[in-house]
C-alpha atoms as a PDB file:
ATOM      1  CA  MET A   1     -19.919  -5.209 -16.019  1.00  0.00           C
ATOM      2  CA  ASN A   2     -23.130  -3.269 -16.563  1.00  0.00           C
ATOM      3  CA  GLN A   3     -24.858  -1.409 -13.758  1.00  0.00           C
ATOM      4  CA  ASP A   4     -27.780  -3.843 -13.626  1.00  0.00           C
ATOM      5  CA  THR A   5     -25.460  -6.762 -12.887  1.00  0.00           C
ATOM      6  CA  LYS A   6     -23.610  -4.831 -10.175  1.00  0.00           C
ATOM      7  CA  THR A   7     -26.916  -3.855  -8.576  1.00  0.00           C
ATOM      8  CA  ALA A   8     -28.161  -7.458  -8.694  1.00  0.00           C
ATOM      9  CA  LEU A   9     -24.987  -8.723  -6.998  1.00  0.00           C
ATOM     10  CA  LYS A  10     -25.375  -6.191  -4.217  1.00  0.00           C
ATOM     11  CA  ASP A  11     -29.076  -6.980  -3.797  1.00  0.00           C
ATOM     12  CA  VAL A  12     -28.449 -10.708  -3.472  1.00  0.00           C
ATOM     13  CA  ALA A  13     -25.592 -10.123  -1.010  1.00  0.00           C
ATOM     14  CA  ALA A  14     -27.707  -7.763   1.104  1.00  0.00           C
ATOM     15  CA  GLU A  15     -30.687 -10.102   1.271  1.00  0.00           C
ATOM     16  CA  ALA A  16     -28.545 -13.143   2.030  1.00  0.00           C
ATOM     17  CA  GLY A  17     -26.481 -11.283   4.620  1.00  0.00           C
ATOM     18  CA  VAL A  18     -23.171 -12.108   2.935  1.00  0.00           C
ATOM     19  CA  SER A  19     -20.507 -10.314   0.910  1.00  0.00           C
ATOM     20  CA  ILE A  20     -20.523  -9.934  -2.873  1.00  0.00           C
ATOM     21  CA  ALA A  21     -17.514 -12.296  -2.982  1.00  0.00           C
ATOM     22  CA  THR A  22     -19.549 -14.966  -1.175  1.00  0.00           C
ATOM     23  CA  VAL A  23     -22.355 -14.557  -3.728  1.00  0.00           C
ATOM     24  CA  SER A  24     -19.758 -15.069  -6.465  1.00  0.00           C
ATOM     25  CA  ARG A  25     -18.461 -18.256  -4.850  1.00  0.00           C
ATOM     26  CA  ALA A  26     -21.930 -19.654  -4.198  1.00  0.00           C
ATOM     27  CA  LEU A  27     -22.849 -19.256  -7.876  1.00  0.00           C
ATOM     28  CA  ASP A  28     -19.642 -20.915  -9.052  1.00  0.00           C
ATOM     29  CA  PRO A  29     -20.054 -24.727  -9.308  1.00  0.00           C
ATOM     30  CA  VAL A  30     -16.396 -25.280  -8.365  1.00  0.00           C
ATOM     31  CA  ARG A  31     -15.832 -22.747  -5.586  1.00  0.00           C
ATOM     32  CA  ALA A  32     -19.219 -23.342  -3.955  1.00  0.00           C
ATOM     33  CA  ALA A  33     -17.608 -26.326  -2.222  1.00  0.00           C
ATOM     34  CA  LEU A  34     -15.670 -23.830  -0.076  1.00  0.00           C
ATOM     35  CA  LEU A  35     -18.902 -22.585   1.538  1.00  0.00           C
ATOM     36  CA  ARG A  36     -21.383 -24.151   3.904  1.00  0.00           C
ATOM     37  CA  PRO A  37     -24.201 -25.921   2.035  1.00  0.00           C
ATOM     38  CA  GLU A  38     -26.879 -23.772   3.709  1.00  0.00           C
ATOM     39  CA  THR A  39     -25.115 -20.594   2.559  1.00  0.00           C
ATOM     40  CA  VAL A  40     -24.905 -21.859  -1.025  1.00  0.00           C
ATOM     41  CA  ASP A  41     -28.568 -22.868  -0.999  1.00  0.00           C
ATOM     42  CA  ARG A  42     -29.723 -19.522   0.427  1.00  0.00           C
ATOM     43  CA  VAL A  43     -27.698 -17.463  -2.068  1.00  0.00           C
ATOM     44  CA  ARG A  44     -28.793 -19.546  -5.064  1.00  0.00           C
ATOM     45  CA  ARG A  45     -32.474 -19.323  -4.125  1.00  0.00           C
ATOM     46  CA  ILE A  46     -32.255 -15.532  -3.883  1.00  0.00           C
ATOM     47  CA  ALA A  47     -30.200 -15.272  -7.094  1.00  0.00           C
ATOM     48  CA  ALA A  48     -32.662 -17.467  -8.986  1.00  0.00           C
ATOM     49  CA  ARG A  49     -35.457 -14.978  -8.304  1.00  0.00           C
ATOM     50  CA  GLN A  50     -33.354 -12.264  -9.996  1.00  0.00           C
ATOM     51  CA  ASN A  51     -32.075 -14.422 -12.868  1.00  0.00           C
ATOM     52  CA  LEU A  52     -28.548 -13.441 -11.732  1.00  0.00           C
ATOM     53  CA  GLN A  53     -26.833 -16.783 -12.220  1.00  0.00           C
ATOM     54  CA  ALA A  54     -27.506 -16.970 -15.936  1.00  0.00           C
ATOM     55  CA  ASN A  55     -26.287 -13.427 -16.526  1.00  0.00           C
ATOM     56  CA  ARG A  56     -23.067 -13.846 -14.556  1.00  0.00           C
ATOM     57  CA  PHE A  57     -21.991 -17.156 -16.014  1.00  0.00           C
ATOM     58  CA  ALA A  58     -22.993 -16.150 -19.525  1.00  0.00           C
ATOM     59  CA  ARG A  59     -20.468 -13.356 -19.208  1.00  0.00           C
ATOM     60  CA  ARG A  60     -17.793 -15.720 -17.955  1.00  0.00           C
ATOM     61  CA  LEU A  61     -18.371 -18.156 -20.784  1.00  0.00           C
ATOM     62  CA  THR A  62     -18.437 -15.395 -23.394  1.00  0.00           C
ATOM     63  CA  ARG A  63     -15.191 -13.833 -22.198  1.00  0.00           C
ATOM     64  CA  GLY A  64     -13.510 -17.088 -21.199  1.00  0.00           C
ATOM     65  CA  CYS A  65     -12.626 -15.535 -17.839  1.00  0.00           C
ATOM     66  CA  THR A  66     -12.640 -16.383 -14.146  1.00  0.00           C
ATOM     67  CA  ASP A  67     -13.391 -12.936 -12.701  1.00  0.00           C
ATOM     68  CA  THR A  68     -10.514 -13.542 -10.291  1.00  0.00           C
ATOM     69  CA  LEU A  69      -7.394 -11.498  -9.582  1.00  0.00           C
ATOM     70  CA  CYS A  70      -4.290 -12.796  -7.796  1.00  0.00           C
ATOM     71  CA  VAL A  71      -2.710 -10.414  -5.281  1.00  0.00           C
ATOM     72  CA  LEU A  72       0.965 -10.779  -4.398  1.00  0.00           C
ATOM     73  CA  MET A  73       2.125  -9.059  -1.200  1.00  0.00           C
ATOM     74  CA  PRO A  74       5.569  -9.002   0.486  1.00  0.00           C
ATOM     75  CA  PRO A  75       6.533 -11.938   2.732  1.00  0.00           C
ATOM     76  CA  SER A  76       6.526  -9.535   5.724  1.00  0.00           C
ATOM     77  CA  VAL A  77       2.706  -9.590   5.607  1.00  0.00           C
ATOM     78  CA  PHE A  78       2.599 -13.357   6.175  1.00  0.00           C
ATOM     79  CA  GLY A  79       3.036 -14.950   9.587  1.00  0.00           C
ATOM     80  CA  ARG A  80       4.914 -18.116  10.497  1.00  0.00           C
ATOM     81  CA  GLU A  81       2.136 -20.332   9.204  1.00  0.00           C
ATOM     82  CA  GLY A  82       2.199 -18.560   5.851  1.00  0.00           C
ATOM     83  CA  ASN A  83      -1.122 -16.799   6.401  1.00  0.00           C
ATOM     84  CA  PRO A  84      -1.596 -13.023   6.134  1.00  0.00           C
ATOM     85  CA  ASP A  85      -1.267 -11.083   9.392  1.00  0.00           C
ATOM     86  CA  PHE A  86      -2.270  -7.439   9.120  1.00  0.00           C
ATOM     87  CA  ARG A  87      -1.970  -6.756  12.854  1.00  0.00           C
ATOM     88  CA  GLU A  88       1.789  -6.278  13.038  1.00  0.00           C
ATOM     89  CA  SER A  89       3.534  -3.048  12.044  1.00  0.00           C
ATOM     90  CA  ALA A  90       4.500  -4.383   8.604  1.00  0.00           C
ATOM     91  CA  GLY A  91       1.112  -5.862   7.835  1.00  0.00           C
ATOM     92  CA  GLU A  92      -1.014  -2.995   9.090  1.00  0.00           C
ATOM     93  CA  LEU A  93       0.610  -0.645   6.596  1.00  0.00           C
ATOM     94  CA  PHE A  94      -0.790  -2.871   3.846  1.00  0.00           C
ATOM     95  CA  TRP A  95      -4.286  -3.357   5.260  1.00  0.00           C
ATOM     96  CA  ASP A  96      -5.769  -0.104   3.934  1.00  0.00           C
ATOM     97  CA  THR A  97      -4.501  -0.936   0.457  1.00  0.00           C
ATOM     98  CA  PHE A  98      -5.626  -4.552   0.556  1.00  0.00           C
ATOM     99  CA  SER A  99      -9.098  -3.724   1.905  1.00  0.00           C
ATOM    100  CA  ALA A 100      -9.504  -1.161  -0.888  1.00  0.00           C
ATOM    101  CA  ILE A 101      -8.464  -3.824  -3.427  1.00  0.00           C
ATOM    102  CA  LEU A 102     -11.127  -6.155  -2.029  1.00  0.00           C
ATOM    103  CA  GLU A 103     -13.838  -3.503  -2.161  1.00  0.00           C
ATOM    104  CA  ALA A 104     -12.935  -2.324  -5.670  1.00  0.00           C
ATOM    105  CA  ALA A 105     -12.864  -5.910  -6.942  1.00  0.00           C
ATOM    106  CA  GLU A 106     -16.119  -6.964  -5.264  1.00  0.00           C
ATOM    107  CA  SER A 107     -17.962  -3.906  -6.551  1.00  0.00           C
ATOM    108  CA  ARG A 108     -17.064  -5.062 -10.077  1.00  0.00           C
ATOM    109  CA  GLY A 109     -17.932  -8.715  -9.462  1.00  0.00           C
ATOM    110  CA  PHE A 110     -14.332  -9.924  -9.175  1.00  0.00           C
ATOM    111  CA  ASP A 111     -12.844 -12.210  -6.542  1.00  0.00           C
ATOM    112  CA  ILE A 112      -9.414 -11.836  -4.970  1.00  0.00           C
ATOM    113  CA  LYS A 113      -6.983 -14.697  -4.429  1.00  0.00           C
ATOM    114  CA  LEU A 114      -4.341 -13.955  -1.788  1.00  0.00           C
ATOM    115  CA  SER A 115      -2.103 -16.978  -1.284  1.00  0.00           C
ATOM    116  CA  PRO A 116       0.661 -17.530   1.279  1.00  0.00           C
ATOM    117  CA  ILE A 117       4.226 -17.068   0.070  1.00  0.00           C
ATOM    118  CA  ARG A 118       5.948 -20.460  -0.213  1.00  0.00           C
ATOM    119  CA  GLY A 119       9.535 -20.095  -1.323  1.00  0.00           C
ATOM    120  CA  MET A 120      11.386 -17.905  -3.801  1.00  0.00           C
ATOM    121  CA  ASP A 121       9.564 -19.356  -6.840  1.00  0.00           C
ATOM    122  CA  PHE A 122       6.073 -18.725  -5.519  1.00  0.00           C
ATOM    123  CA  PRO A 123       5.465 -15.369  -7.330  1.00  0.00           C
ATOM    124  CA  THR A 124       6.223 -16.961 -10.706  1.00  0.00           C
ATOM    125  CA  ALA A 125       3.990 -19.916  -9.799  1.00  0.00           C
ATOM    126  CA  VAL A 126       1.135 -17.459  -9.253  1.00  0.00           C
ATOM    127  CA  LEU A 127       1.635 -16.106 -12.754  1.00  0.00           C
ATOM    128  CA  ARG A 128       1.220 -19.610 -14.083  1.00  0.00           C
ATOM    129  CA  THR A 129      -2.300 -19.708 -12.606  1.00  0.00           C
ATOM    130  CA  VAL A 130      -3.156 -16.887 -15.023  1.00  0.00           C
ATOM    131  CA  GLN A 131      -1.518 -18.703 -17.925  1.00  0.00           C
ATOM    132  CA  GLN A 132      -3.510 -21.825 -17.028  1.00  0.00           C
ATOM    133  CA  GLY A 133      -6.793 -19.914 -17.028  1.00  0.00           C
ATOM    134  CA  ARG A 134      -7.391 -20.048 -13.268  1.00  0.00           C
ATOM    135  CA  ALA A 135      -7.139 -16.261 -12.816  1.00  0.00           C
ATOM    136  CA  ASP A 136      -7.356 -13.243 -15.115  1.00  0.00           C
ATOM    137  CA  GLY A 137      -4.618 -10.927 -13.861  1.00  0.00           C
ATOM    138  CA  VAL A 138      -2.165 -10.119 -11.077  1.00  0.00           C
ATOM    139  CA  LEU A 139      -1.801  -7.190  -8.673  1.00  0.00           C
ATOM    140  CA  PHE A 140       1.679  -6.806  -7.165  1.00  0.00           C
ATOM    141  CA  PHE A 141       1.960  -4.882  -3.919  1.00  0.00           C
ATOM    142  CA  GLY A 142       5.426  -3.462  -4.291  1.00  0.00           C
ATOM    143  CA  ARG A 143       8.415  -4.437  -6.430  1.00  0.00           C
ATOM    144  CA  ALA A 144      10.936  -5.839  -3.935  1.00  0.00           C
ATOM    145  CA  GLY A 145      11.214  -9.602  -4.148  1.00  0.00           C
ATOM    146  CA  PHE A 146       9.060  -9.783  -7.257  1.00  0.00           C
ATOM    147  CA  GLU A 147      11.705  -8.922  -9.842  1.00  0.00           C
ATOM    148  CA  ARG A 148      11.636 -12.307 -11.625  1.00  0.00           C
ATOM    149  CA  ALA A 149       7.852 -12.422 -11.621  1.00  0.00           C
ATOM    150  CA  LEU A 150       7.598  -8.888 -13.012  1.00  0.00           C
ATOM    151  CA  ASP A 151      10.018  -9.731 -15.815  1.00  0.00           C
ATOM    152  CA  LEU A 152       7.969 -12.848 -16.617  1.00  0.00           C
ATOM    153  CA  ALA A 153       4.689 -10.897 -16.598  1.00  0.00           C
ATOM    154  CA  ARG A 154       6.112  -8.455 -19.131  1.00  0.00           C
ATOM    155  CA  ALA A 155       7.690 -11.161 -21.290  1.00  0.00           C
ATOM    156  CA  GLU A 156       4.521 -13.295 -21.389  1.00  0.00           C
ATOM    157  CA  GLY A 157       2.053 -10.416 -21.676  1.00  0.00           C
ATOM    158  CA  ILE A 158       0.276 -11.350 -18.438  1.00  0.00           C
ATOM    159  CA  PRO A 159      -2.142  -8.590 -17.322  1.00  0.00           C
ATOM    160  CA  ALA A 160      -0.485  -7.084 -14.244  1.00  0.00           C
ATOM    161  CA  VAL A 161      -0.275  -3.851 -12.259  1.00  0.00           C
ATOM    162  CA  VAL A 162       2.105  -2.870  -9.455  1.00  0.00           C
ATOM    163  CA  ALA A 163       0.700  -0.842  -6.555  1.00  0.00           C
ATOM    164  CA  THR A 164       3.496   0.657  -4.471  1.00  0.00           C
ATOM    165  CA  THR A 165       4.045   3.505  -2.026  1.00  0.00           C
ATOM    166  CA  ARG A 166       7.570   3.830  -3.394  1.00  0.00           C
ATOM    167  CA  ASP A 167       8.587   6.609  -5.720  1.00  0.00           C
ATOM    168  CA  PRO A 168       7.956   6.350  -9.479  1.00  0.00           C
ATOM    169  CA  MET A 169      10.489   4.497 -11.638  1.00  0.00           C
ATOM    170  CA  ALA A 170      11.797   5.985 -14.850  1.00  0.00           C
ATOM    171  CA  GLU A 171      11.042   2.765 -16.760  1.00  0.00           C
ATOM    172  CA  PRO A 172       8.596   0.489 -14.899  1.00  0.00           C
ATOM    173  CA  VAL A 173       8.631  -3.186 -15.870  1.00  0.00           C
ATOM    174  CA  VAL A 174       4.811  -3.401 -15.920  1.00  0.00           C
ATOM    175  CA  PRO A 175       2.229  -0.622 -15.394  1.00  0.00           C
ATOM    176  CA  GLU A 176       2.489   0.922 -11.941  1.00  0.00           C
ATOM    177  CA  VAL A 177       0.433   3.023  -9.550  1.00  0.00           C
ATOM    178  CA  THR A 178       2.916   4.866  -7.333  1.00  0.00           C
ATOM    179  CA  VAL A 179       3.102   7.741  -4.847  1.00  0.00           C
ATOM    180  CA  ASP A 180       4.879  11.077  -5.224  1.00  0.00           C
ATOM    181  CA  GLY A 181       6.483  11.091  -1.778  1.00  0.00           C
ATOM    182  CA  ARG A 182       8.690  13.990  -2.781  1.00  0.00           C
ATOM    183  CA  SER A 183       5.741  16.393  -2.965  1.00  0.00           C
ATOM    184  CA  GLY A 184       4.498  15.346   0.488  1.00  0.00           C
ATOM    185  CA  VAL A 185       7.931  15.755   2.067  1.00  0.00           C
ATOM    186  CA  ARG A 186       8.306  19.145   0.401  1.00  0.00           C
ATOM    187  CA  GLU A 187       4.922  20.218   1.793  1.00  0.00           C
ATOM    188  CA  ALA A 188       5.914  19.153   5.322  1.00  0.00           C
ATOM    189  CA  VAL A 189       9.295  20.941   5.290  1.00  0.00           C
ATOM    190  CA  ARG A 190       7.775  24.091   3.813  1.00  0.00           C
ATOM    191  CA  TRP A 191       5.201  24.107   6.598  1.00  0.00           C
ATOM    192  CA  LEU A 192       7.943  23.794   9.242  1.00  0.00           C
ATOM    193  CA  VAL A 193       9.889  26.668   7.676  1.00  0.00           C
ATOM    194  CA  SER A 194       6.716  28.797   7.548  1.00  0.00           C
ATOM    195  CA  ARG A 195       6.336  28.283  11.313  1.00  0.00           C
ATOM    196  CA  GLY A 196       9.727  29.834  11.949  1.00  0.00           C
ATOM    197  CA  HIS A 197      12.012  26.779  11.925  1.00  0.00           C
ATOM    198  CA  ARG A 198      15.216  27.908  10.232  1.00  0.00           C
ATOM    199  CA  ARG A 199      17.085  24.689  11.013  1.00  0.00           C
ATOM    200  CA  VAL A 200      15.173  21.603   9.846  1.00  0.00           C
ATOM    201  CA  GLY A 201      16.894  18.226  10.098  1.00  0.00           C
ATOM    202  CA  LEU A 202      16.512  14.936   8.256  1.00  0.00           C
ATOM    203  CA  MET A 203      16.912  11.672  10.209  1.00  0.00           C
ATOM    204  CA  ALA A 204      16.991   8.107   8.888  1.00  0.00           C
ATOM    205  CA  PRO A 205      18.253   4.647   9.925  1.00  0.00           C
ATOM    206  CA  TYR A 206      20.397   4.548   6.771  1.00  0.00           C
ATOM    207  CA  PRO A 207      22.580   6.994   4.821  1.00  0.00           C
ATOM    208  CA  ILE A 208      19.764   8.905   3.147  1.00  0.00           C
ATOM    209  CA  VAL A 209      21.643  10.291   0.150  1.00  0.00           C
ATOM    210  CA  ALA A 210      23.099   6.903  -0.823  1.00  0.00           C
ATOM    211  CA  THR A 211      19.833   4.940  -1.165  1.00  0.00           C
ATOM    212  CA  SER A 212      16.892   4.662  -3.532  1.00  0.00           C
ATOM    213  CA  GLU A 213      14.797   6.288  -0.803  1.00  0.00           C
ATOM    214  CA  ASN A 214      16.547   9.537  -1.682  1.00  0.00           C
ATOM    215  CA  VAL A 215      13.978  10.349  -4.383  1.00  0.00           C
ATOM    216  CA  ARG A 216      11.206  11.082  -1.904  1.00  0.00           C
ATOM    217  CA  PHE A 217      13.563  12.930   0.424  1.00  0.00           C
ATOM    218  CA  GLN A 218      14.684  15.192  -2.380  1.00  0.00           C
ATOM    219  CA  GLY A 219      11.588  17.083  -1.252  1.00  0.00           C
ATOM    220  CA  TYR A 220      13.545  18.012   1.864  1.00  0.00           C
ATOM    221  CA  PHE A 221      16.487  19.303  -0.176  1.00  0.00           C
ATOM    222  CA  ASP A 222      14.079  21.148  -2.500  1.00  0.00           C
ATOM    223  CA  VAL A 223      13.339  23.417   0.468  1.00  0.00           C
ATOM    224  CA  VAL A 224      16.563  23.589   2.508  1.00  0.00           C
ATOM    225  CA  GLY A 225      19.026  23.555  -0.395  1.00  0.00           C
ATOM    226  CA  PRO A 226      21.221  20.985  -2.205  1.00  0.00           C
ATOM    227  CA  PRO A 227      22.418  17.842  -0.370  1.00  0.00           C
ATOM    228  CA  PRO A 228      25.679  18.466   1.521  1.00  0.00           C
ATOM    229  CA  SER A 229      28.862  17.234  -0.154  1.00  0.00           C
ATOM    230  CA  SER A 230      30.363  16.396   3.255  1.00  0.00           C
ATOM    231  CA  PRO A 231      28.863  15.109   6.540  1.00  0.00           C
ATOM    232  CA  SER A 232      26.295  17.535   7.924  1.00  0.00           C
ATOM    233  CA  GLU A 233      24.851  17.835  11.414  1.00  0.00           C
ATOM    234  CA  GLN A 234      21.411  18.347   9.931  1.00  0.00           C
ATOM    235  CA  VAL A 235      21.325  15.035   8.060  1.00  0.00           C
ATOM    236  CA  VAL A 236      21.585  12.336  10.733  1.00  0.00           C
ATOM    237  CA  CYS A 237      21.924   8.560  10.346  1.00  0.00           C
ATOM    238  CA  VAL A 238      20.923   6.537  13.431  1.00  0.00           C
ATOM    239  CA  PRO A 239      20.807   2.795  12.628  1.00  0.00           C
ATOM    240  CA  ASP A 240      18.960   1.792  15.795  1.00  0.00           C
ATOM    241  CA  ARG A 241      17.450   3.007  19.051  1.00  0.00           C
ATOM    242  CA  MET A 242      20.720   2.863  20.981  1.00  0.00           C
ATOM    243  CA  ALA A 243      22.478   4.932  18.322  1.00  0.00           C
ATOM    244  CA  LEU A 244      19.671   7.492  18.529  1.00  0.00           C
ATOM    245  CA  ARG A 245      19.901   7.604  22.328  1.00  0.00           C
ATOM    246  CA  ARG A 246      23.669   8.118  22.221  1.00  0.00           C
ATOM    247  CA  TRP A 247      23.259  10.885  19.653  1.00  0.00           C
ATOM    248  CA  LEU A 248      20.696  12.675  21.824  1.00  0.00           C
ATOM    249  CA  GLU A 249      22.801  12.299  24.962  1.00  0.00           C
ATOM    250  CA  THR A 250      25.806  13.760  23.135  1.00  0.00           C
ATOM    251  CA  LYS A 251      23.822  16.773  21.926  1.00  0.00           C
ATOM    252  CA  GLY A 252      21.805  17.374  25.096  1.00  0.00           C
ATOM    253  CA  LYS A 253      19.464  20.285  24.515  1.00  0.00           C
ATOM    254  CA  ALA A 254      21.820  21.879  21.980  1.00  0.00           C
ATOM    255  CA  LEU A 255      20.355  20.091  18.966  1.00  0.00           C
ATOM    256  CA  PRO A 256      21.531  21.175  15.518  1.00  0.00           C
ATOM    257  CA  PHE A 257      17.892  21.749  14.469  1.00  0.00           C
ATOM    258  CA  THR A 258      14.541  22.740  15.969  1.00  0.00           C
ATOM    259  CA  ALA A 259      12.488  20.491  13.703  1.00  0.00           C
ATOM    260  CA  VAL A 260      13.195  17.159  12.044  1.00  0.00           C
ATOM    261  CA  LEU A 261      11.694  14.978   9.324  1.00  0.00           C
ATOM    262  CA  CYS A 262      12.144  11.256  10.022  1.00  0.00           C
ATOM    263  CA  ALA A 263      12.353   8.588   7.319  1.00  0.00           C
ATOM    264  CA  ASN A 264       9.490   6.624   8.878  1.00  0.00           C
ATOM    265  CA  ASP A 265       6.960   6.756  11.703  1.00  0.00           C
ATOM    266  CA  ASP A 266       8.754   4.141  13.814  1.00  0.00           C
ATOM    267  CA  LEU A 267      11.870   6.303  13.975  1.00  0.00           C
ATOM    268  CA  ALA A 268       9.811   9.441  14.639  1.00  0.00           C
ATOM    269  CA  SER A 269       7.952   7.747  17.486  1.00  0.00           C
ATOM    270  CA  ILE A 270      11.179   6.487  19.081  1.00  0.00           C
ATOM    271  CA  LEU A 271      12.742   9.938  18.712  1.00  0.00           C
ATOM    272  CA  ILE A 272       9.839  11.558  20.558  1.00  0.00           C
ATOM    273  CA  THR A 273      10.054   9.014  23.401  1.00  0.00           C
ATOM    274  CA  GLU A 274      13.811   9.333  23.795  1.00  0.00           C
ATOM    275  CA  ALA A 275      13.829  13.129  23.484  1.00  0.00           C
ATOM    276  CA  GLU A 276      11.126  13.542  26.127  1.00  0.00           C
ATOM    277  CA  TYR A 277      12.955  11.092  28.424  1.00  0.00           C
ATOM    278  CA  LEU A 278      15.971  13.414  28.270  1.00  0.00           C
ATOM    279  CA  GLY A 279      13.838  16.448  29.118  1.00  0.00           C
ATOM    280  CA  LEU A 280      13.194  17.871  25.648  1.00  0.00           C
ATOM    281  CA  ARG A 281       9.678  19.114  24.926  1.00  0.00           C
ATOM    282  CA  VAL A 282       7.906  18.083  21.732  1.00  0.00           C
ATOM    283  CA  PRO A 283       7.070  20.245  19.857  1.00  0.00           C
ATOM    284  CA  ALA A 284       8.294  23.244  21.913  1.00  0.00           C
ATOM    285  CA  ASP A 285      11.973  22.229  21.745  1.00  0.00           C
ATOM    286  CA  LEU A 286      11.762  19.855  18.807  1.00  0.00           C
ATOM    287  CA  ALA A 287       9.029  19.475  16.168  1.00  0.00           C
ATOM    288  CA  VAL A 288       8.870  15.953  14.696  1.00  0.00           C
ATOM    289  CA  VAL A 289       7.373  14.665  11.425  1.00  0.00           C
ATOM    290  CA  GLY A 290       7.250  10.997  10.390  1.00  0.00           C
ATOM    291  CA  PHE A 291       6.627   9.257   7.081  1.00  0.00           C
ATOM    292  CA  ASP A 292       3.999   6.565   6.289  1.00  0.00           C
ATOM    293  CA  ASN A 293       1.108   7.619   8.568  1.00  0.00           C
ATOM    294  CA  SER A 294       1.302   4.231  10.281  1.00  0.00           C
ATOM    295  CA  THR A 295      -1.945   3.439  12.093  1.00  0.00           C
ATOM    296  CA  LEU A 296      -0.077   1.996  15.084  1.00  0.00           C
ATOM    297  CA  ARG A 297       2.180   5.027  15.485  1.00  0.00           C
ATOM    298  CA  CYS A 298      -0.404   7.704  14.706  1.00  0.00           C
ATOM    299  CA  ALA A 299      -3.362   6.161  16.553  1.00  0.00           C
ATOM    300  CA  GLU A 300      -3.178   8.668  19.418  1.00  0.00           C
ATOM    301  CA  GLY A 301      -3.397  11.550  16.979  1.00  0.00           C
ATOM    302  CA  ARG A 302      -0.061  12.978  18.070  1.00  0.00           C
ATOM    303  CA  LEU A 303       2.488  12.228  15.354  1.00  0.00           C
ATOM    304  CA  SER A 304       2.507  14.444  12.268  1.00  0.00           C
ATOM    305  CA  SER A 305       3.311  12.384   9.193  1.00  0.00           C
ATOM    306  CA  VAL A 306       3.610  12.380   5.411  1.00  0.00           C
ATOM    307  CA  ALA A 307       0.906   9.970   4.254  1.00  0.00           C
ATOM    308  CA  ALA A 308       0.675   7.868   1.134  1.00  0.00           C
ATOM    309  CA  PRO A 309      -2.946   7.538  -0.067  1.00  0.00           C
ATOM    310  CA  ARG A 310      -2.970   3.780   0.574  1.00  0.00           C
ATOM    311  CA  ARG A 311      -6.682   3.171  -0.023  1.00  0.00           C
ATOM    312  CA  GLU A 312      -6.650   5.169  -3.242  1.00  0.00           C
ATOM    313  CA  LEU A 313      -3.539   3.237  -4.283  1.00  0.00           C
ATOM    314  CA  GLY A 314      -5.291  -0.129  -4.010  1.00  0.00           C
ATOM    315  CA  ALA A 315      -8.567   1.037  -5.508  1.00  0.00           C
ATOM    316  CA  THR A 316      -6.860   2.713  -8.487  1.00  0.00           C
ATOM    317  CA  ALA A 317      -4.642  -0.275  -9.332  1.00  0.00           C
ATOM    318  CA  THR A 318      -7.623  -2.640  -9.144  1.00  0.00           C
ATOM    319  CA  ARG A 319      -9.850  -0.409 -11.264  1.00  0.00           C
ATOM    320  CA  LEU A 320      -7.201  -0.009 -13.966  1.00  0.00           C
ATOM    321  CA  LEU A 321      -6.580  -3.751 -14.185  1.00  0.00           C
ATOM    322  CA  ILE A 322     -10.269  -4.703 -14.287  1.00  0.00           C
ATOM    323  CA  GLU A 323     -11.133  -2.048 -16.882  1.00  0.00           C
ATOM    324  CA  ASN A 324      -8.352  -3.454 -19.027  1.00  0.00           C
ATOM    325  CA  LEU A 325      -9.641  -7.022 -18.606  1.00  0.00           C
ATOM    326  CA  LEU A 326     -13.298  -6.178 -19.196  1.00  0.00           C
ATOM    327  CA  HIS A 327     -13.107  -3.462 -21.823  1.00  0.00           C
ATOM    328  CA  GLY A 328      -9.560  -3.498 -23.175  1.00  0.00           C
ATOM    329  CA  VAL A 329      -8.826  -0.025 -21.754  1.00  0.00           C
ATOM    330  CA  PRO A 330      -5.033   0.506 -21.964  1.00  0.00           C
ATOM    331  CA  ILE A 331      -3.326   0.796 -18.564  1.00  0.00           C
ATOM    332  CA  PRO A 332      -1.071   3.883 -18.265  1.00  0.00           C
ATOM    333  CA  ARG A 333       2.555   2.908 -17.767  1.00  0.00           C
ATOM    334  CA  GLN A 334       2.735   5.186 -14.734  1.00  0.00           C
ATOM    335  CA  THR A 335      -0.068   6.555 -12.532  1.00  0.00           C
ATOM    336  CA  VAL A 336       1.262   8.816  -9.773  1.00  0.00           C
ATOM    337  CA  LEU A 337      -0.777   9.766  -6.701  1.00  0.00           C
ATOM    338  CA  PRO A 338       0.200  12.696  -4.446  1.00  0.00           C
ATOM    339  CA  ALA A 339       1.334  12.175  -0.850  1.00  0.00           C
ATOM    340  CA  GLN A 340      -0.116  14.432   1.841  1.00  0.00           C
ATOM    341  CA  PHE A 341       1.302  16.109   4.953  1.00  0.00           C
ATOM    342  CA  LEU A 342      -0.949  15.415   7.954  1.00  0.00           C
ATOM    343  CA  LEU A 343      -0.462  17.960  10.740  1.00  0.00           C
ATOM    344  CA  ARG A 344      -0.841  16.726  14.312  1.00  0.00           C
ATOM    345  CA  ALA A 345       0.393  17.637  17.796  1.00  0.00           C
ATOM    346  CA  SER A 346       4.093  16.766  17.289  1.00  0.00           C
ATOM    347  CA  CYS A 347       4.585  19.988  15.296  1.00  0.00           C
END
């Protein structure tokens, strides 16, 4: 899209008091039915003065496109009614990414279609909307649960990009934008060591060395040394809150470390609460770092965390896909963004 068209879209949206996506819908003979008649009339009158409608639909006809991207997100984002809910702990982690996808798409004149998940076959059904000419490409948020759809996208040559906070894969199925969690974890542990912590622990709700999550937490072992070959007091598995409480009660104030990196912010937050309940001082007796930079857990500005650049993740994946659709720019098989250690009061 040229700069004049982008400027015209923004001008119409500003004058009409609506979003760029609403301008797009109002100018589309089919999707205009989704809007109130007075909104459609107002937008079209403003657009007519700028000759925007002819330019936009000429491009669509020339390219044979819809200027629409489908976004697939994990079922955990959708509530009981099948509609997205970004207020809960699972959903709020995705909001920064999704809002960046919306903004990046709207700034380029594209609409976003986010549909509720209905059954195991729904992701592959979404791909069929692209094959049927009702969308131009697909953005996957994450890989889990989308394996069949990803295989189909590759096999059928459907334009698709995965945006995920998980660690890079050696051989991604379709182009991916991922996060180098290992570098962020390494930065956090190095900072703890530089502050005099000679015993830094690693805590997770699962056996850390035996899971795919181990890639990011190799950053911990990069600093403290190779993973232990036998059970170690400094690598702790606590499956739930009660297990964590029992572990703390057993150790008392004689913890095997003075600082700990937790596998996620939920665990870090619970650890702080339980430790302080038992009389430990954070960070004087125990420095705590989480992972994810969850808005709910970090809202008070207390919890230090390793943060994935979630907004950049969404914006980058959207930009790469749209540039490919509009200009044929090849999408790199792997685009890796750095994670960042955010220092707050828990350290």
